[in-house]
All heavy atoms as atom14 arrays in JSON, in Angstrom:
{
  "sequence": "TGSASYKKKKNETDPTPFYFQLHLPSKEDRGILCMQKWGLSGVKSLFQ",
  "atom14_mask": [
    [1, 1, 1, 1, 1, 1, 1, 0, 0, 0, 0, 0, 0, 0],
    [1, 1, 1, 1, 0, 0, 0, 0, 0, 0, 0, 0, 0, 0],
    [1, 1, 1, 1, 1, 1, 0, 0, 0, 0, 0, 0, 0, 0],
    [1, 1, 1, 1, 1, 0, 0, 0, 0, 0, 0, 0, 0, 0],
    [1, 1, 1, 1, 1, 1, 0, 0, 0, 0, 0, 0, 0, 0],
    [1, 1, 1, 1, 1, 1, 1, 1, 1, 1, 1, 1, 0, 0],
    [1, 1, 1, 1, 1, 1, 1, 1, 1, 0, 0, 0, 0, 0],
    [1, 1, 1, 1, 1, 1, 1, 1, 1, 0, 0, 0, 0, 0],
    [1, 1, 1, 1, 1, 1, 1, 1, 1, 0, 0, 0, 0, 0],
    [1, 1, 1, 1, 1, 1, 1, 1, 1, 0, 0, 0, 0, 0],
    [1, 1, 1, 1, 1, 1, 1, 1, 0, 0, 0, 0, 0, 0],
    [1, 1, 1, 1, 1, 1, 1, 1, 1, 0, 0, 0, 0, 0],
    [1, 1, 1, 1, 1, 1, 1, 0, 0, 0, 0, 0, 0, 0],
    [1, 1, 1, 1, 1, 1, 1, 1, 0, 0, 0, 0, 0, 0],
    [1, 1, 1, 1, 1, 1, 1, 0, 0, 0, 0, 0, 0, 0],
    [1, 1, 1, 1, 1, 1, 1, 0, 0, 0, 0, 0, 0, 0],
    [1, 1, 1, 1, 1, 1, 1, 0, 0, 0, 0, 0, 0, 0],
    [1, 1, 1, 1, 1, 1, 1, 1, 1, 1, 1, 0, 0, 0],
    [1, 1, 1, 1, 1, 1, 1, 1, 1, 1, 1, 1, 0, 0],
    [1, 1, 1, 1, 1, 1, 1, 1, 1, 1, 1, 0, 0, 0],
    [1, 1, 1, 1, 1, 1, 1, 1, 1, 0, 0, 0, 0, 0],
    [1, 1, 1, 1, 1, 1, 1, 1, 0, 0, 0, 0, 0, 0],
    [1, 1, 1, 1, 1, 1, 1, 1, 1, 1, 0, 0, 0, 0],
    [1, 1, 1, 1, 1, 1, 1, 1, 0, 0, 0, 0, 0, 0],
    [1, 1, 1, 1, 1, 1, 1, 0, 0, 0, 0, 0, 0, 0],
    [1, 1, 1, 1, 1, 1, 0, 0, 0, 0, 0, 0, 0, 0],
    [1, 1, 1, 1, 1, 1, 1, 1, 1, 0, 0, 0, 0, 0],
    [1, 1, 1, 1, 1, 1, 1, 1, 1, 0, 0, 0, 0, 0],
    [1, 1, 1, 1, 1, 1, 1, 1, 0, 0, 0, 0, 0, 0],
    [1, 1, 1, 1, 1, 1, 1, 1, 1, 1, 1, 0, 0, 0],
    [1, 1, 1, 1, 0, 0, 0, 0, 0, 0, 0, 0, 0, 0],
    [1, 1, 1, 1, 1, 1, 1, 1, 0, 0, 0, 0, 0, 0],
    [1, 1, 1, 1, 1, 1, 1, 1, 0, 0, 0, 0, 0, 0],
    [1, 1, 1, 1, 1, 1, 0, 0, 0, 0, 0, 0, 0, 0],
    [1, 1, 1, 1, 1, 1, 1, 1, 0, 0, 0, 0, 0, 0],
    [1, 1, 1, 1, 1, 1, 1, 1, 1, 0, 0, 0, 0, 0],
    [1, 1, 1, 1, 1, 1, 1, 1, 1, 0, 0, 0, 0, 0],
    [1, 1, 1, 1, 1, 1, 1, 1, 1, 1, 1, 1, 1, 1],
    [1, 1, 1, 1, 0, 0, 0, 0, 0, 0, 0, 0, 0, 0],
    [1, 1, 1, 1, 1, 1, 1, 1, 0, 0, 0, 0, 0, 0],
    [1, 1, 1, 1, 1, 1, 0, 0, 0, 0, 0, 0, 0, 0],
    [1, 1, 1, 1, 0, 0, 0, 0, 0, 0, 0, 0, 0, 0],
    [1, 1, 1, 1, 1, 1, 1, 0, 0, 0, 0, 0, 0, 0],
    [1, 1, 1, 1, 1, 1, 1, 1, 1, 0, 0, 0, 0, 0],
    [1, 1, 1, 1, 1, 1, 0, 0, 0, 0, 0, 0, 0, 0],
    [1, 1, 1, 1, 1, 1, 1, 1, 0, 0, 0, 0, 0, 0],
    [1, 1, 1, 1, 1, 1, 1, 1, 1, 1, 1, 0, 0, 0],
    [1, 1, 1, 1, 1, 1, 1, 1, 1, 0, 0, 0, 0, 0]
  ],
  "atom14_positions": [
    [[25.76, 5.18, 38.76], [27.11, 5.25, 39.27], [28.07, 5.95, 38.23], [29.12, 6.44, 38.62], [27.68, 3.85, 39.49], [27.73, 3.09, 38.31], [26.76, 3.1, 40.49], [0.0, 0.0, 0.0], [0.0, 0.0, 0.0], [0.0, 0.0, 0.0], [0.0, 0.0, 0.0], [0.0, 0.0, 0.0], [0.0, 0.0, 0.0], [0.0, 0.0, 0.0]],
    [[27.64, 5.95, 36.94], [28.47, 6.56, 35.94], [29.64, 5.65, 35.53], [30.51, 6.1, 34.68], [0.0, 0.0, 0.0], [0.0, 0.0, 0.0], [0.0, 0.0, 0.0], [0.0, 0.0, 0.0], [0.0, 0.0, 0.0], [0.0, 0.0, 0.0], [0.0, 0.0, 0.0], [0.0, 0.0, 0.0], [0.0, 0.0, 0.0], [0.0, 0.0, 0.0]],
    [[29.64, 4.46, 35.95], [30.73, 3.52, 35.59], [30.21, 2.44, 34.66], [29.05, 2.19, 34.55], [31.32, 2.87, 36.86], [30.32, 2.15, 37.55], [0.0, 0.0, 0.0], [0.0, 0.0, 0.0], [0.0, 0.0, 0.0], [0.0, 0.0, 0.0], [0.0, 0.0, 0.0], [0.0, 0.0, 0.0], [0.0, 0.0, 0.0], [0.0, 0.0, 0.0]],
    [[31.18, 1.82, 33.94], [30.81, 0.78, 33.0], [30.43, -0.5, 33.75], [31.18, -0.98, 34.63], [31.99, 0.45, 32.03], [0.0, 0.0, 0.0], [0.0, 0.0, 0.0], [0.0, 0.0, 0.0], [0.0, 0.0, 0.0], [0.0, 0.0, 0.0], [0.0, 0.0, 0.0], [0.0, 0.0, 0.0], [0.0, 0.0, 0.0], [0.0, 0.0, 0.0]],
    [[29.23, -1.04, 33.48], [28.78, -2.24, 34.13], [28.94, -3.52, 33.29], [28.93, -4.62, 33.79], [27.35, -2.14, 34.56], [26.5, -1.89, 33.42], [0.0, 0.0, 0.0], [0.0, 0.0, 0.0], [0.0, 0.0, 0.0], [0.0, 0.0, 0.0], [0.0, 0.0, 0.0], [0.0, 0.0, 0.0], [0.0, 0.0, 0.0], [0.0, 0.0, 0.0]],
    [[29.2, -3.24, 31.98], [29.33, -4.4, 31.04], [29.96, -3.86, 29.76], [29.74, -2.7, 29.37], [27.98, -5.06, 30.81], [28.07, -6.23, 29.83], [28.54, -7.44, 30.24], [27.62, -6.08, 28.49], [28.6, -8.55, 29.36], [27.71, -7.17, 27.64], [28.21, -8.37, 28.09], [28.25, -9.46, 27.18], [0.0, 0.0, 0.0], [0.0, 0.0, 0.0]],
    [[30.71, -4.72, 29.11], [31.3, -4.37, 27.79], [30.71, -5.28, 26.77], [30.95, -6.48, 26.74], [32.82, -4.57, 27.86], [33.51, -4.01, 26.6], [35.04, -3.97, 26.76], [35.67, -3.31, 25.52], [37.16, -3.27, 25.68], [0.0, 0.0, 0.0], [0.0, 0.0, 0.0], [0.0, 0.0, 0.0], [0.0, 0.0, 0.0], [0.0, 0.0, 0.0]],
    [[29.94, -4.69, 25.86], [29.3, -5.49, 24.79], [30.3, -5.87, 23.75], [31.11, -5.04, 23.3], [28.19, -4.64, 24.15], [27.43, -5.4, 23.04], [26.25, -4.6, 22.55], [26.73, -3.55, 21.51], [27.24, -4.17, 20.24], [0.0, 0.0, 0.0], [0.0, 0.0, 0.0], [0.0, 0.0, 0.0], [0.0, 0.0, 0.0], [0.0, 0.0, 0.0]],
    [[30.27, -7.12, 23.35], [31.19, -7.68, 22.36], [30.66, -7.41, 20.96], [29.52, -7.09, 20.76], [31.42, -9.15, 22.58], [31.93, -9.47, 23.97], [32.09, -10.99, 24.11], [32.67, -11.33, 25.52], [31.76, -10.9, 26.61], [0.0, 0.0, 0.0], [0.0, 0.0, 0.0], [0.0, 0.0, 0.0], [0.0, 0.0, 0.0], [0.0, 0.0, 0.0]],
    [[31.56, -7.59, 19.97], [31.19, -7.28, 18.56], [30.08, -8.2, 18.07], [29.29, -7.82, 17.23], [32.41, -7.45, 17.65], [33.48, -6.4, 17.84], [34.71, -6.67, 16.95], [34.3, -6.57, 15.49], [35.56, -6.75, 14.63], [0.0, 0.0, 0.0], [0.0, 0.0, 0.0], [0.0, 0.0, 0.0], [0.0, 0.0, 0.0], [0.0, 0.0, 0.0]],
    [[29.94, -9.42, 18.59], [28.93, -10.34, 18.09], [27.68, -10.31, 18.96], [26.81, -11.14, 18.85], [29.48, -11.72, 18.05], [29.88, -12.27, 19.38], [30.05, -11.54, 20.36], [30.06, -13.58, 19.53], [0.0, 0.0, 0.0], [0.0, 0.0, 0.0], [0.0, 0.0, 0.0], [0.0, 0.0, 0.0], [0.0, 0.0, 0.0], [0.0, 0.0, 0.0]],
    [[27.55, -9.32, 19.86], [26.42, -9.11, 20.68], [25.54, -7.91, 20.22], [26.09, -6.94, 19.64], [26.76, -8.99, 22.16], [27.44, -10.27, 22.73], [27.83, -10.08, 24.17], [28.18, -8.95, 24.56], [27.83, -11.09, 24.91], [0.0, 0.0, 0.0], [0.0, 0.0, 0.0], [0.0, 0.0, 0.0], [0.0, 0.0, 0.0], [0.0, 0.0, 0.0]],
    [[24.29, -7.96, 20.55], [23.42, -6.83, 20.23], [22.42, -6.58, 21.33], [22.19, -7.45, 22.18], [22.61, -7.17, 18.93], [21.82, -6.04, 18.53], [21.7, -8.35, 19.11], [0.0, 0.0, 0.0], [0.0, 0.0, 0.0], [0.0, 0.0, 0.0], [0.0, 0.0, 0.0], [0.0, 0.0, 0.0], [0.0, 0.0, 0.0], [0.0, 0.0, 0.0]],
    [[21.93, -5.32, 21.38], [20.97, -4.92, 22.37], [19.69, -4.55, 21.68], [19.47, -3.35, 21.29], [21.5, -3.73, 23.18], [20.56, -3.21, 24.23], [19.7, -4.0, 24.65], [20.68, -2.04, 24.67], [0.0, 0.0, 0.0], [0.0, 0.0, 0.0], [0.0, 0.0, 0.0], [0.0, 0.0, 0.0], [0.0, 0.0, 0.0], [0.0, 0.0, 0.0]],
    [[18.8, -5.48, 21.38], [17.61, -5.24, 20.52], [16.58, -4.38, 21.16], [16.39, -4.4, 22.43], [17.1, -6.65, 20.23], [17.51, -7.46, 21.41], [18.87, -6.9, 21.84], [0.0, 0.0, 0.0], [0.0, 0.0, 0.0], [0.0, 0.0, 0.0], [0.0, 0.0, 0.0], [0.0, 0.0, 0.0], [0.0, 0.0, 0.0], [0.0, 0.0, 0.0]],
    [[15.86, -3.61, 20.36], [14.75, -2.76, 20.79], [13.45, -3.36, 20.16], [13.45, -3.58, 18.96], [14.96, -1.36, 20.35], [16.15, -0.82, 20.97], [13.78, -0.49, 20.78], [0.0, 0.0, 0.0], [0.0, 0.0, 0.0], [0.0, 0.0, 0.0], [0.0, 0.0, 0.0], [0.0, 0.0, 0.0], [0.0, 0.0, 0.0], [0.0, 0.0, 0.0]],
    [[12.4, -3.45, 20.94], [11.11, -3.97, 20.4], [10.3, -2.84, 19.73], [10.17, -1.74, 20.23], [10.4, -4.5, 21.62], [10.89, -3.68, 22.75], [12.34, -3.29, 22.39], [0.0, 0.0, 0.0], [0.0, 0.0, 0.0], [0.0, 0.0, 0.0], [0.0, 0.0, 0.0], [0.0, 0.0, 0.0], [0.0, 0.0, 0.0], [0.0, 0.0, 0.0]],
    [[9.77, -3.15, 18.57], [8.86, -2.24, 17.83], [7.58, -2.97, 17.56], [7.56, -4.04, 16.92], [9.5, -1.8, 16.52], [10.78, -1.02, 16.66], [12.02, -1.65, 16.79], [10.75, 0.41, 16.66], [13.21, -0.92, 16.88], [11.95, 1.11, 16.74], [13.17, 0.47, 16.87], [0.0, 0.0, 0.0], [0.0, 0.0, 0.0], [0.0, 0.0, 0.0]],
    [[6.47, -2.39, 18.03], [5.18, -3.02, 17.85], [4.61, -2.73, 16.47], [4.93, -1.7, 15.84], [4.17, -2.48, 18.87], [2.79, -3.08, 18.85], [2.57, -4.34, 19.28], [1.7, -2.3, 18.34], [1.29, -4.93, 19.2], [0.44, -2.86, 18.29], [0.21, -4.18, 18.74], [-1.04, -4.7, 18.7], [0.0, 0.0, 0.0], [0.0, 0.0, 0.0]],
    [[3.82, -3.67, 15.95], [3.19, -3.46, 14.59], [1.82, -4.12, 14.56], [1.53, -5.04, 15.31], [4.07, -3.99, 13.47], [4.07, -5.49, 13.36], [3.22, -6.14, 12.49], [4.91, -6.27, 14.08], [3.21, -7.54, 12.32], [4.94, -7.7, 14.03], [4.09, -8.3, 13.2], [0.0, 0.0, 0.0], [0.0, 0.0, 0.0], [0.0, 0.0, 0.0]],
    [[0.96, -3.6, 13.65], [-0.32, -4.25, 13.31], [-0.43, -4.22, 11.84], [-0.11, -3.23, 11.13], [-1.47, -3.44, 13.9], [-1.7, -3.71, 15.37], [-3.04, -3.11, 15.84], [-3.85, -2.59, 15.07], [-3.26, -3.09, 17.15], [0.0, 0.0, 0.0], [0.0, 0.0, 0.0], [0.0, 0.0, 0.0], [0.0, 0.0, 0.0], [0.0, 0.0, 0.0]],
    [[-0.88, -5.35, 11.28], [-1.05, -5.54, 9.86], [-2.46, -6.07, 9.58], [-2.81, -7.14, 10.05], [-0.04, -6.5, 9.25], [-0.11, -6.86, 7.8], [-0.01, -5.62, 6.94], [1.02, -7.86, 7.47], [0.0, 0.0, 0.0], [0.0, 0.0, 0.0], [0.0, 0.0, 0.0], [0.0, 0.0, 0.0], [0.0, 0.0, 0.0], [0.0, 0.0, 0.0]],
    [[-3.34, -5.28, 8.95], [-4.72, -5.61, 8.68], [-4.94, -5.88, 7.21], [-4.71, -5.05, 6.33], [-5.68, -4.47, 9.16], [-5.6, -4.24, 10.64], [-6.62, -4.62, 11.46], [-4.7, -3.69, 11.42], [-6.32, -4.29, 12.72], [-5.11, -3.74, 12.68], [0.0, 0.0, 0.0], [0.0, 0.0, 0.0], [0.0, 0.0, 0.0], [0.0, 0.0, 0.0]],
    [[-5.42, -7.11, 6.93], [-5.57, -7.59, 5.55], [-6.96, -8.2, 5.35], [-7.08, -9.4, 5.24], [-4.51, -8.62, 5.2], [-3.04, -8.13, 5.38], [-2.12, -9.35, 5.37], [-2.68, -7.14, 4.3], [0.0, 0.0, 0.0], [0.0, 0.0, 0.0], [0.0, 0.0, 0.0], [0.0, 0.0, 0.0], [0.0, 0.0, 0.0], [0.0, 0.0, 0.0]],
    [[-8.01, -7.35, 5.27], [-9.4, -7.9, 5.17], [-9.51, -8.73, 3.86], [-9.1, -8.32, 2.78], [-10.24, -6.64, 5.1], [-9.4, -5.54, 5.68], [-7.98, -5.9, 5.34], [0.0, 0.0, 0.0], [0.0, 0.0, 0.0], [0.0, 0.0, 0.0], [0.0, 0.0, 0.0], [0.0, 0.0, 0.0], [0.0, 0.0, 0.0], [0.0, 0.0, 0.0]],
    [[-10.15, -9.84, 3.95], [-10.24, -10.8, 2.84], [-10.98, -10.26, 1.66], [-10.71, -10.64, 0.52], [-10.85, -12.12, 3.3], [-12.16, -11.92, 3.68], [0.0, 0.0, 0.0], [0.0, 0.0, 0.0], [0.0, 0.0, 0.0], [0.0, 0.0, 0.0], [0.0, 0.0, 0.0], [0.0, 0.0, 0.0], [0.0, 0.0, 0.0], [0.0, 0.0, 0.0]],
    [[-11.92, -9.33, 1.86], [-12.72, -8.82, 0.75], [-12.17, -7.56, 0.11], [-12.77, -6.97, -0.73], [-14.19, -8.6, 1.22], [-14.91, -9.88, 1.62], [-16.33, -9.6, 1.99], [-17.09, -10.86, 2.41], [-18.47, -10.59, 2.8], [0.0, 0.0, 0.0], [0.0, 0.0, 0.0], [0.0, 0.0, 0.0], [0.0, 0.0, 0.0], [0.0, 0.0, 0.0]],
    [[-11.03, -7.1, 0.66], [-10.43, -5.86, 0.14], [-9.17, -6.14, -0.66], [-8.61, -7.23, -0.6], [-10.03, -4.93, 1.35], [-11.24, -4.45, 2.19], [-11.97, -3.35, 1.48], [-11.45, -2.78, 0.52], [-13.13, -3.07, 1.86], [0.0, 0.0, 0.0], [0.0, 0.0, 0.0], [0.0, 0.0, 0.0], [0.0, 0.0, 0.0], [0.0, 0.0, 0.0]],
    [[-8.72, -5.12, -1.4], [-7.48, -5.29, -2.21], [-6.48, -4.25, -1.69], [-5.43, -4.06, -2.33], [-7.72, -5.06, -3.71], [-8.33, -3.77, -4.06], [-8.4, -2.84, -3.2], [-8.7, -3.53, -5.24], [0.0, 0.0, 0.0], [0.0, 0.0, 0.0], [0.0, 0.0, 0.0], [0.0, 0.0, 0.0], [0.0, 0.0, 0.0], [0.0, 0.0, 0.0]],
    [[-6.76, -3.61, -0.51], [-5.81, -2.73, 0.13], [-5.92, -3.02, 1.65], [-6.96, -3.15, 2.19], [-6.11, -1.27, -0.1], [-5.88, -0.81, -1.55], [-6.38, 0.62, -1.73], [-7.77, 0.77, -1.39], [-8.29, 1.87, -1.0], [-7.64, 2.93, -0.77], [-9.6, 1.87, -0.75], [0.0, 0.0, 0.0], [0.0, 0.0, 0.0], [0.0, 0.0, 0.0]],
    [[-4.75, -3.17, 2.29], [-4.7, -3.31, 3.75], [-3.92, -2.24, 4.38], [-3.41, -1.34, 3.71], [0.0, 0.0, 0.0], [0.0, 0.0, 0.0], [0.0, 0.0, 0.0], [0.0, 0.0, 0.0], [0.0, 0.0, 0.0], [0.0, 0.0, 0.0], [0.0, 0.0, 0.0], [0.0, 0.0, 0.0], [0.0, 0.0, 0.0], [0.0, 0.0, 0.0]],
    [[-3.77, -2.26, 5.7], [-3.08, -1.2, 6.42], [-2.03, -1.8, 7.32], [-2.32, -2.73, 8.09], [-4.06, -0.37, 7.26], [-5.1, 0.34, 6.31], [-3.34, 0.69, 8.06], [-6.14, 1.15, 7.08], [0.0, 0.0, 0.0], [0.0, 0.0, 0.0], [0.0, 0.0, 0.0], [0.0, 0.0, 0.0], [0.0, 0.0, 0.0], [0.0, 0.0, 0.0]],
    [[-0.82, -1.27, 7.25], [0.27, -1.64, 8.13], [0.57, -0.45, 9.05], [0.84, 0.65, 8.5], [1.52, -2.03, 7.31], [2.81, -2.2, 8.11], [2.73, -3.39, 9.06], [4.02, -2.38, 7.12], [0.0, 0.0, 0.0], [0.0, 0.0, 0.0], [0.0, 0.0, 0.0], [0.0, 0.0, 0.0], [0.0, 0.0, 0.0], [0.0, 0.0, 0.0]],
    [[0.61, -0.65, 10.31], [0.95, 0.45, 11.28], [2.09, -0.07, 12.11], [2.11, -1.1, 12.7], [-0.28, 0.69, 12.14], [-0.14, 2.25, 13.14], [0.0, 0.0, 0.0], [0.0, 0.0, 0.0], [0.0, 0.0, 0.0], [0.0, 0.0, 0.0], [0.0, 0.0, 0.0], [0.0, 0.0, 0.0], [0.0, 0.0, 0.0], [0.0, 0.0, 0.0]],
    [[3.18, 0.8, 12.19], [4.43, 0.38, 12.82], [4.9, 1.42, 13.81], [4.79, 2.65, 13.56], [5.49, 0.16, 11.76], [5.07, -0.76, 10.59], [6.53, -1.43, 9.71], [7.05, -2.69, 10.86], [0.0, 0.0, 0.0], [0.0, 0.0, 0.0], [0.0, 0.0, 0.0], [0.0, 0.0, 0.0], [0.0, 0.0, 0.0], [0.0, 0.0, 0.0]],
    [[5.43, 0.98, 14.91], [5.89, 1.85, 15.96], [7.23, 2.44, 15.6], [8.07, 1.78, 14.91], [6.05, 1.07, 17.29], [6.55, 1.93, 18.42], [6.84, 1.08, 19.69], [6.63, -0.12, 19.68], [7.36, 1.73, 20.71], [0.0, 0.0, 0.0], [0.0, 0.0, 0.0], [0.0, 0.0, 0.0], [0.0, 0.0, 0.0], [0.0, 0.0, 0.0]],
    [[7.52, 3.68, 16.12], [8.78, 4.32, 15.97], [9.29, 4.75, 17.33], [8.47, 5.05, 18.23], [8.66, 5.55, 15.05], [8.44, 5.25, 13.59], [8.75, 6.44, 12.73], [10.26, 6.79, 12.73], [10.61, 7.87, 11.82], [0.0, 0.0, 0.0], [0.0, 0.0, 0.0], [0.0, 0.0, 0.0], [0.0, 0.0, 0.0], [0.0, 0.0, 0.0]],
    [[10.61, 4.7, 17.55], [11.21, 5.29, 18.72], [12.04, 6.46, 18.29], [13.06, 6.27, 17.63], [12.1, 4.27, 19.39], [11.43, 3.29, 20.34], [11.32, 1.95, 20.2], [10.78, 3.64, 21.55], [10.64, 1.38, 21.25], [10.33, 2.41, 22.15], [10.6, 4.77, 22.25], [9.61, 2.3, 23.31], [9.9, 4.73, 23.47], [9.42, 3.5, 24.01]],
    [[11.58, 7.68, 18.6], [12.32, 8.85, 18.09], [12.34, 8.83, 16.59], [11.34, 8.77, 15.91], [0.0, 0.0, 0.0], [0.0, 0.0, 0.0], [0.0, 0.0, 0.0], [0.0, 0.0, 0.0], [0.0, 0.0, 0.0], [0.0, 0.0, 0.0], [0.0, 0.0, 0.0], [0.0, 0.0, 0.0], [0.0, 0.0, 0.0], [0.0, 0.0, 0.0]],
    [[13.55, 8.82, 16.04], [13.68, 8.72, 14.54], [13.92, 7.3, 14.09], [14.11, 7.0, 12.9], [14.88, 9.56, 14.09], [14.8, 11.11, 14.38], [16.06, 11.85, 13.97], [13.59, 11.69, 13.71], [0.0, 0.0, 0.0], [0.0, 0.0, 0.0], [0.0, 0.0, 0.0], [0.0, 0.0, 0.0], [0.0, 0.0, 0.0], [0.0, 0.0, 0.0]],
    [[13.93, 6.34, 14.99], [14.22, 4.98, 14.69], [12.98, 4.13, 14.42], [11.99, 4.33, 15.14], [15.04, 4.27, 15.81], [16.24, 4.96, 16.01], [0.0, 0.0, 0.0], [0.0, 0.0, 0.0], [0.0, 0.0, 0.0], [0.0, 0.0, 0.0], [0.0, 0.0, 0.0], [0.0, 0.0, 0.0], [0.0, 0.0, 0.0], [0.0, 0.0, 0.0]],
    [[13.02, 3.3, 13.38], [11.88, 2.45, 13.08], [12.36, 1.22, 12.32], [13.57, 1.1, 12.0], [0.0, 0.0, 0.0], [0.0, 0.0, 0.0], [0.0, 0.0, 0.0], [0.0, 0.0, 0.0], [0.0, 0.0, 0.0], [0.0, 0.0, 0.0], [0.0, 0.0, 0.0], [0.0, 0.0, 0.0], [0.0, 0.0, 0.0], [0.0, 0.0, 0.0]],
    [[11.4, 0.35, 12.0], [11.77, -0.87, 11.36], [10.97, -1.1, 10.02], [10.9, -2.22, 9.51], [11.53, -2.14, 12.28], [12.56, -2.12, 13.4], [10.12, -2.12, 12.82], [0.0, 0.0, 0.0], [0.0, 0.0, 0.0], [0.0, 0.0, 0.0], [0.0, 0.0, 0.0], [0.0, 0.0, 0.0], [0.0, 0.0, 0.0], [0.0, 0.0, 0.0]],
    [[10.4, -0.03, 9.53], [9.6, -0.19, 8.32], [10.37, -0.73, 7.14], [9.96, -1.63, 6.4], [8.96, 1.13, 7.96], [7.97, 1.03, 6.78], [8.55, 1.47, 5.47], [7.57, 1.45, 4.37], [8.13, 1.92, 3.09], [0.0, 0.0, 0.0], [0.0, 0.0, 0.0], [0.0, 0.0, 0.0], [0.0, 0.0, 0.0], [0.0, 0.0, 0.0]],
    [[11.58, -0.14, 6.88], [12.43, -0.58, 5.77], [12.81, -2.03, 5.91], [12.81, -2.82, 4.95], [13.65, 0.33, 5.63], [13.27, 1.63, 5.28], [0.0, 0.0, 0.0], [0.0, 0.0, 0.0], [0.0, 0.0, 0.0], [0.0, 0.0, 0.0], [0.0, 0.0, 0.0], [0.0, 0.0, 0.0], [0.0, 0.0, 0.0], [0.0, 0.0, 0.0]],
    [[13.23, -2.4, 7.12], [13.62, -3.81, 7.34], [12.48, -4.73, 7.15], [12.58, -5.77, 6.44], [14.17, -3.95, 8.78], [14.63, -5.33, 9.21], [15.86, -5.22, 10.13], [13.55, -6.14, 9.86], [0.0, 0.0, 0.0], [0.0, 0.0, 0.0], [0.0, 0.0, 0.0], [0.0, 0.0, 0.0], [0.0, 0.0, 0.0], [0.0, 0.0, 0.0]],
    [[11.3, -4.37, 7.68], [10.14, -5.29, 7.58], [9.77, -5.42, 6.12], [9.47, -6.5, 5.58], [9.0, -4.65, 8.35], [7.72, -5.46, 8.42], [7.64, -6.53, 9.29], [6.68, -5.23, 7.48], [6.39, -7.29, 9.3], [5.54, -5.98, 7.49], [5.41, -7.01, 8.39], [0.0, 0.0, 0.0], [0.0, 0.0, 0.0], [0.0, 0.0, 0.0]],
    [[9.72, -4.25, 5.38], [9.33, -4.3, 3.98], [10.3, -5.17, 3.13], [9.84, -5.94, 2.34], [9.3, -2.89, 3.41], [8.86, -2.82, 1.95], [8.66, -1.4, 1.43], [8.79, -0.44, 2.28], [8.45, -1.23, 0.18], [0.0, 0.0, 0.0], [0.0, 0.0, 0.0], [0.0, 0.0, 0.0], [0.0, 0.0, 0.0], [0.0, 0.0, 0.0]]
  ]
}
């Protein structure tokens, strides 16, 4: 419709889900973290 259906308030947020996998084999000293990105957006820095 091109019209406003809702006005988000300052204390509200519209979260986006980002998938991740973290592999930590017990016999290894290095694991792998794989994280989803949406365009240029990601959550690696926040997660870390």
